[in-house]
Amino acid sequence: MTHVRGTVLPGTHPHQVRRRRRLELGKLLDGEAGPYILTDLRWGNGPLHVRYGGFASRCPGPDGTPVLAVARPDGTLVPDRRRPVFEVPERVTPPGFVTEAMAARDDGGSFPYRVERALHFSSAAAVYLAKDRAGRQVVLKEARPNAGYGQPDAVHVVDRFPLTANGKVDPRALRALIGAPPAPPAPAP
C-alpha cells in the first residue's frame, strides 16, 4: 500500500494490486491451451486455475501417515479431502472472480465420464476411476502440460481391474500403466 501524507493512493491496496495482476496474467494467457483439472476451477480462457486445499501443510491421515492438510478457522489442521470436483470450503466466501468462474464452468453435461473416486494425486496429474456413458469402467489420467512431465492426456479402457487381496482396486498395478500405450479398441460384437 502506498501512502502520501496519510492518504492511500488509488489502486495500491493489496487486494487491488492482486486483482490487477490476476487480470493482466489472464489477458496474457487468454486462449492458451490448458488441461481440464477436475479438482480445480479454470478461471478465464487460459490455463489459470483456482483450488482451495492443502499444498504444503500436513497432518496425520486416517491411517496415521502424513497427508496434505487445510486449516480450520481455529488453526487446527485437518486432512484435505481432495475430491475430484472443485469445492469451496464452508468457511470461505469466494471472491467475485471465483463465483463468476463457477457460474461459467457449467459444461452442460459434455464431460463424458462419471468419476467414482480418485486413485492418485500429484502436481503433474491425477488418476481417477470413472465410468463412461456406456457404463464401462475406465481409468482417467490427467496430464498437466507445462507441469514438467508433458505426457498426453489418456483414457485406458480395461476389461477388469487388478484387485488387492481384500477386493479393492490395486493402485500399484494401475500405476504400472503409466506410460503404457492405450489398448486397441475391443472388436464390435
C-alpha atoms as a PDB file:
ATOM      1  CA  MET A   1       0.000   0.000   0.000  1.00  0.00           C
ATOM      2  CA  THR A   2       1.421   3.389  -0.930  1.00  0.00           C
ATOM      3  CA  HIS A   3       0.784   6.356   1.375  1.00  0.00           C
ATOM      4  CA  VAL A   4       1.312  10.017   0.607  1.00  0.00           C
ATOM      5  CA  ARG A   5       0.830  12.226   3.666  1.00  0.00           C
ATOM      6  CA  GLY A   6      -1.600   9.744   5.222  1.00  0.00           C
ATOM      7  CA  THR A   7      -3.576   9.160   2.014  1.00  0.00           C
ATOM      8  CA  VAL A   8      -3.745   5.775   0.301  1.00  0.00           C
ATOM      9  CA  LEU A   9      -3.095   6.228  -3.415  1.00  0.00           C
ATOM     10  CA  PRO A  10      -5.831   4.769  -5.651  1.00  0.00           C
ATOM     11  CA  GLY A  11      -5.088   1.281  -6.932  1.00  0.00           C
ATOM     12  CA  THR A  12      -2.353   0.475  -4.396  1.00  0.00           C
ATOM     13  CA  HIS A  13      -4.315  -1.519  -1.807  1.00  0.00           C
ATOM     14  CA  PRO A  14      -3.005  -5.139  -1.766  1.00  0.00           C
ATOM     15  CA  HIS A  15      -6.393  -6.510  -2.933  1.00  0.00           C
ATOM     16  CA  GLN A  16      -6.385  -4.092  -5.875  1.00  0.00           C
ATOM     17  CA  VAL A  17      -2.792  -4.962  -6.776  1.00  0.00           C
ATOM     18  CA  ARG A  18      -3.557  -8.730  -6.712  1.00  0.00           C
ATOM     19  CA  ARG A  19      -6.701  -8.202  -8.805  1.00  0.00           C
ATOM     20  CA  ARG A  20      -4.787  -6.128 -11.354  1.00  0.00           C
ATOM     21  CA  ARG A  21      -2.025  -8.772 -11.598  1.00  0.00           C
ATOM     22  CA  ARG A  22      -4.602 -11.570 -11.983  1.00  0.00           C
ATOM     23  CA  LEU A  23      -6.343  -9.661 -14.782  1.00  0.00           C
ATOM     24  CA  GLU A  24      -3.022  -8.900 -16.514  1.00  0.00           C
ATOM     25  CA  LEU A  25      -1.988 -12.564 -16.332  1.00  0.00           C
ATOM     26  CA  GLY A  26      -5.428 -13.626 -17.575  1.00  0.00           C
ATOM     27  CA  LYS A  27      -5.083 -11.353 -20.614  1.00  0.00           C
ATOM     28  CA  LEU A  28      -1.582 -12.651 -21.375  1.00  0.00           C
ATOM     29  CA  LEU A  29      -2.709 -16.282 -21.242  1.00  0.00           C
ATOM     30  CA  ASP A  30      -6.147 -15.836 -22.843  1.00  0.00           C
ATOM     31  CA  GLY A  31      -6.707 -18.561 -25.439  1.00  0.00           C
ATOM     32  CA  GLU A  32      -3.676 -20.647 -24.436  1.00  0.00           C
ATOM     33  CA  ALA A  33      -4.362 -24.374 -24.203  1.00  0.00           C
ATOM     34  CA  GLY A  34      -4.623 -25.878 -20.771  1.00  0.00           C
ATOM     35  CA  PRO A  35      -5.760 -29.046 -19.047  1.00  0.00           C
ATOM     36  CA  TYR A  36      -9.143 -29.874 -17.594  1.00  0.00           C
ATOM     37  CA  ILE A  37      -8.358 -30.411 -13.907  1.00  0.00           C
ATOM     38  CA  LEU A  38     -11.257 -31.976 -12.023  1.00  0.00           C
ATOM     39  CA  THR A  39     -10.237 -30.662  -8.589  1.00  0.00           C
ATOM     40  CA  ASP A  40      -9.627 -27.115  -9.826  1.00  0.00           C
ATOM     41  CA  LEU A  41     -11.723 -24.288 -11.213  1.00  0.00           C
ATOM     42  CA  ARG A  42     -10.497 -22.906 -14.514  1.00  0.00           C
ATOM     43  CA  TRP A  43     -10.557 -19.127 -14.489  1.00  0.00           C
ATOM     44  CA  GLY A  44     -10.938 -17.354 -17.813  1.00  0.00           C
ATOM     45  CA  ASN A  45      -9.972 -18.785 -21.198  1.00  0.00           C
ATOM     46  CA  GLY A  46      -6.398 -19.712 -20.370  1.00  0.00           C
ATOM     47  CA  PRO A  47      -4.561 -22.211 -18.179  1.00  0.00           C
ATOM     48  CA  LEU A  48      -5.241 -20.398 -14.880  1.00  0.00           C
ATOM     49  CA  HIS A  49      -6.867 -22.435 -12.124  1.00  0.00           C
ATOM     50  CA  VAL A  50      -8.110 -21.898  -8.567  1.00  0.00           C
ATOM     51  CA  ARG A  51      -8.276 -24.560  -5.885  1.00  0.00           C
ATOM     52  CA  TYR A  52      -8.897 -24.445  -2.170  1.00  0.00           C
ATOM     53  CA  GLY A  53      -6.792 -27.069  -0.463  1.00  0.00           C
ATOM     54  CA  GLY A  54      -3.546 -28.199   1.040  1.00  0.00           C
ATOM     55  CA  PHE A  55      -0.249 -27.647  -0.746  1.00  0.00           C
ATOM     56  CA  ALA A  56       2.426 -27.840   1.955  1.00  0.00           C
ATOM     57  CA  SER A  57       0.936 -28.323   5.421  1.00  0.00           C
ATOM     58  CA  ARG A  58       0.477 -31.894   6.596  1.00  0.00           C
ATOM     59  CA  CYS A  59      -1.374 -33.676   9.367  1.00  0.00           C
ATOM     60  CA  PRO A  60      -1.957 -37.347  10.215  1.00  0.00           C
ATOM     61  CA  GLY A  61      -4.443 -39.026   7.859  1.00  0.00           C
ATOM     62  CA  PRO A  62      -6.948 -41.734   8.822  1.00  0.00           C
ATOM     63  CA  ASP A  63      -4.204 -44.378   8.907  1.00  0.00           C
ATOM     64  CA  GLY A  64      -1.725 -42.127  10.727  1.00  0.00           C
ATOM     65  CA  THR A  65       0.501 -41.346   7.729  1.00  0.00           C
ATOM     66  CA  PRO A  66       1.045 -37.642   6.917  1.00  0.00           C
ATOM     67  CA  VAL A  67      -1.376 -36.214   4.325  1.00  0.00           C
ATOM     68  CA  LEU A  68      -1.888 -32.751   2.854  1.00  0.00           C
ATOM     69  CA  ALA A  69      -3.934 -30.591   5.204  1.00  0.00           C
ATOM     70  CA  VAL A  70      -6.021 -27.429   5.380  1.00  0.00           C
ATOM     71  CA  ALA A  71      -6.534 -25.247   8.440  1.00  0.00           C
ATOM     72  CA  ARG A  72      -9.882 -24.761  10.137  1.00  0.00           C
ATOM     73  CA  PRO A  73     -10.713 -21.228  11.297  1.00  0.00           C
ATOM     74  CA  ASP A  74      -9.251 -22.083  14.739  1.00  0.00           C
ATOM     75  CA  GLY A  75      -5.947 -23.121  13.097  1.00  0.00           C
ATOM     76  CA  THR A  76      -6.405 -26.885  13.570  1.00  0.00           C
ATOM     77  CA  LEU A  77      -5.049 -28.824  10.597  1.00  0.00           C
ATOM     78  CA  VAL A  78      -7.422 -31.390   9.055  1.00  0.00           C
ATOM     79  CA  PRO A  79      -6.884 -33.672   6.021  1.00  0.00           C
ATOM     80  CA  ASP A  80      -7.549 -32.109   2.623  1.00  0.00           C
ATOM     81  CA  ARG A  81     -10.431 -34.155   1.165  1.00  0.00           C
ATOM     82  CA  ARG A  82      -9.157 -33.908  -2.453  1.00  0.00           C
ATOM     83  CA  ARG A  83     -12.393 -34.983  -4.060  1.00  0.00           C
ATOM     84  CA  PRO A  84     -12.485 -34.995  -7.893  1.00  0.00           C
ATOM     85  CA  VAL A  85     -14.592 -31.853  -8.049  1.00  0.00           C
ATOM     86  CA  PHE A  86     -13.952 -28.175  -7.315  1.00  0.00           C
ATOM     87  CA  GLU A  87     -15.322 -27.259  -3.891  1.00  0.00           C
ATOM     88  CA  VAL A  88     -15.404 -24.089  -1.840  1.00  0.00           C
ATOM     89  CA  PRO A  89     -14.894 -24.812   1.888  1.00  0.00           C
ATOM     90  CA  GLU A  90     -17.857 -23.996   4.131  1.00  0.00           C
ATOM     91  CA  ARG A  91     -15.929 -21.309   5.975  1.00  0.00           C
ATOM     92  CA  VAL A  92     -14.982 -19.412   2.791  1.00  0.00           C
ATOM     93  CA  THR A  93     -16.898 -16.710   0.953  1.00  0.00           C
ATOM     94  CA  PRO A  94     -15.380 -16.839  -2.521  1.00  0.00           C
ATOM     95  CA  PRO A  95     -14.342 -13.597  -4.206  1.00  0.00           C
ATOM     96  CA  GLY A  96     -16.358 -12.392  -7.198  1.00  0.00           C
ATOM     97  CA  PHE A  97     -13.997 -13.755  -9.834  1.00  0.00           C
ATOM     98  CA  VAL A  98     -14.383 -17.264  -8.347  1.00  0.00           C
ATOM     99  CA  THR A  99     -18.198 -17.130  -8.273  1.00  0.00           C
ATOM    100  CA  GLU A 100     -18.190 -15.856 -11.876  1.00  0.00           C
ATOM    101  CA  ALA A 101     -15.901 -18.705 -12.959  1.00  0.00           C
ATOM    102  CA  MET A 102     -18.086 -21.216 -11.084  1.00  0.00           C
ATOM    103  CA  ALA A 103     -21.159 -19.996 -12.969  1.00  0.00           C
ATOM    104  CA  ALA A 104     -19.293 -20.160 -16.296  1.00  0.00           C
ATOM    105  CA  ARG A 105     -17.954 -23.673 -15.616  1.00  0.00           C
ATOM    106  CA  ASP A 106     -21.249 -25.487 -16.163  1.00  0.00           C
ATOM    107  CA  ASP A 107     -20.386 -27.594 -19.198  1.00  0.00           C
ATOM    108  CA  GLY A 108     -23.964 -28.700 -19.869  1.00  0.00           C
ATOM    109  CA  GLY A 109     -23.060 -32.334 -19.263  1.00  0.00           C
ATOM    110  CA  SER A 110     -20.426 -32.514 -22.001  1.00  0.00           C
ATOM    111  CA  PHE A 111     -17.868 -34.274 -19.782  1.00  0.00           C
ATOM    112  CA  PRO A 112     -18.385 -37.897 -20.869  1.00  0.00           C
ATOM    113  CA  TYR A 113     -17.383 -39.597 -17.607  1.00  0.00           C
ATOM    114  CA  ARG A 114     -18.787 -40.022 -14.104  1.00  0.00           C
ATOM    115  CA  VAL A 115     -15.876 -40.013 -11.709  1.00  0.00           C
ATOM    116  CA  GLU A 116     -16.239 -42.541  -8.899  1.00  0.00           C
ATOM    117  CA  ARG A 117     -13.080 -41.805  -6.945  1.00  0.00           C
ATOM    118  CA  ALA A 118      -9.526 -40.578  -7.101  1.00  0.00           C
ATOM    119  CA  LEU A 119      -6.791 -43.197  -7.241  1.00  0.00           C
ATOM    120  CA  HIS A 120      -3.774 -40.850  -7.114  1.00  0.00           C
ATOM    121  CA  PHE A 121      -2.992 -37.124  -6.971  1.00  0.00           C
ATOM    122  CA  SER A 122       0.216 -35.278  -7.843  1.00  0.00           C
ATOM    123  CA  SER A 123       1.140 -31.807  -9.073  1.00  0.00           C
ATOM    124  CA  ALA A 124       1.603 -33.147 -12.607  1.00  0.00           C
ATOM    125  CA  ALA A 125      -1.505 -35.296 -12.886  1.00  0.00           C
ATOM    126  CA  ALA A 126      -4.232 -37.194 -11.141  1.00  0.00           C
ATOM    127  CA  VAL A 127      -5.675 -40.621 -11.818  1.00  0.00           C
ATOM    128  CA  TYR A 128      -9.370 -41.377 -11.372  1.00  0.00           C
ATOM    129  CA  LEU A 129     -11.629 -44.402 -11.523  1.00  0.00           C
ATOM    130  CA  ALA A 130     -14.681 -43.491 -13.611  1.00  0.00           C
ATOM    131  CA  LYS A 131     -17.448 -44.828 -15.841  1.00  0.00           C
ATOM    132  CA  ASP A 132     -18.081 -43.710 -19.391  1.00  0.00           C
ATOM    133  CA  ARG A 133     -21.564 -43.059 -20.782  1.00  0.00           C
ATOM    134  CA  ALA A 134     -21.872 -46.741 -21.767  1.00  0.00           C
ATOM    135  CA  GLY A 135     -21.244 -47.748 -18.128  1.00  0.00           C
ATOM    136  CA  ARG A 136     -17.761 -49.199 -18.739  1.00  0.00           C
ATOM    137  CA  GLN A 137     -15.189 -48.629 -16.013  1.00  0.00           C
ATOM    138  CA  VAL A 138     -12.276 -46.518 -17.195  1.00  0.00           C
ATOM    139  CA  VAL A 139      -9.181 -45.022 -15.673  1.00  0.00           C
ATOM    140  CA  LEU A 140      -8.835 -41.315 -16.396  1.00  0.00           C
ATOM    141  CA  LYS A 141      -5.345 -39.881 -16.195  1.00  0.00           C
ATOM    142  CA  GLU A 142      -4.898 -36.128 -16.274  1.00  0.00           C
ATOM    143  CA  ALA A 143      -1.675 -34.892 -17.710  1.00  0.00           C
ATOM    144  CA  ARG A 144      -0.948 -31.276 -16.978  1.00  0.00           C
ATOM    145  CA  PRO A 145       1.052 -29.638 -19.752  1.00  0.00           C
ATOM    146  CA  ASN A 146       3.905 -27.466 -18.534  1.00  0.00           C
ATOM    147  CA  ALA A 147       3.981 -29.248 -15.158  1.00  0.00           C
ATOM    148  CA  GLY A 148       7.306 -30.853 -16.028  1.00  0.00           C
ATOM    149  CA  TYR A 149       6.037 -34.113 -17.461  1.00  0.00           C
ATOM    150  CA  GLY A 150       4.326 -33.255 -20.756  1.00  0.00           C
ATOM    151  CA  GLN A 151       2.533 -36.595 -21.113  1.00  0.00           C
ATOM    152  CA  PRO A 152      -0.619 -36.506 -23.235  1.00  0.00           C
ATOM    153  CA  ASP A 153      -3.992 -36.983 -21.605  1.00  0.00           C
ATOM    154  CA  ALA A 154      -5.066 -40.603 -21.734  1.00  0.00           C
ATOM    155  CA  VAL A 155      -8.072 -42.786 -21.115  1.00  0.00           C
ATOM    156  CA  HIS A 156      -7.450 -46.510 -20.781  1.00  0.00           C
ATOM    157  CA  VAL A 157     -10.407 -48.873 -21.072  1.00  0.00           C
ATOM    158  CA  VAL A 158      -9.723 -52.187 -19.368  1.00  0.00           C
ATOM    159  CA  ASP A 159     -11.787 -55.376 -19.222  1.00  0.00           C
ATOM    160  CA  ARG A 160     -11.225 -55.721 -15.495  1.00  0.00           C
ATOM    161  CA  PHE A 161      -9.229 -54.011 -12.803  1.00  0.00           C
ATOM    162  CA  PRO A 162      -6.433 -55.640 -10.831  1.00  0.00           C
ATOM    163  CA  LEU A 163      -7.613 -56.168  -7.273  1.00  0.00           C
ATOM    164  CA  THR A 164      -5.817 -56.427  -3.957  1.00  0.00           C
ATOM    165  CA  ALA A 165      -6.355 -59.429  -1.671  1.00  0.00           C
ATOM    166  CA  ASN A 166      -9.227 -57.570   0.040  1.00  0.00           C
ATOM    167  CA  GLY A 167     -11.042 -56.886  -3.248  1.00  0.00           C
ATOM    168  CA  LYS A 168     -10.132 -53.211  -3.720  1.00  0.00           C
ATOM    169  CA  VAL A 169      -8.650 -51.763  -6.910  1.00  0.00           C
ATOM    170  CA  ASP A 170      -4.854 -52.169  -6.710  1.00  0.00           C
ATOM    171  CA  PRO A 171      -3.294 -48.685  -7.199  1.00  0.00           C
ATOM    172  CA  ARG A 172       0.217 -50.143  -7.632  1.00  0.00           C
ATOM    173  CA  ALA A 173      -0.912 -52.230 -10.573  1.00  0.00           C
ATOM    174  CA  LEU A 174      -2.672 -49.222 -12.081  1.00  0.00           C
ATOM    175  CA  ARG A 175       0.470 -47.096 -11.689  1.00  0.00           C
ATOM    176  CA  ALA A 176       2.234 -49.705 -13.807  1.00  0.00           C
ATOM    177  CA  LEU A 177       0.034 -48.454 -16.679  1.00  0.00           C
ATOM    178  CA  ILE A 178       1.708 -45.033 -16.565  1.00  0.00           C
ATOM    179  CA  GLY A 179       3.426 -44.504 -19.884  1.00  0.00           C
ATOM    180  CA  ALA A 180       1.864 -47.611 -21.447  1.00  0.00           C
ATOM    181  CA  PRO A 181       0.247 -47.119 -24.844  1.00  0.00           C
ATOM    182  CA  PRO A 182      -3.560 -47.230 -24.934  1.00  0.00           C
ATOM    183  CA  ALA A 183      -5.091 -50.603 -25.645  1.00  0.00           C
ATOM    184  CA  PRO A 184      -6.711 -51.014 -29.058  1.00  0.00           C
ATOM    185  CA  PRO A 185     -10.494 -50.799 -29.017  1.00  0.00           C
ATOM    186  CA  ALA A 186     -12.343 -54.050 -28.459  1.00  0.00           C
ATOM    187  CA  PRO A 187     -13.823 -55.592 -31.605  1.00  0.00           C
ATOM    188  CA  ALA A 188     -17.527 -54.978 -32.142  1.00  0.00           C
ATOM    189  CA  PRO A 189     -19.730 -57.927 -31.035  1.00  0.00           C
END
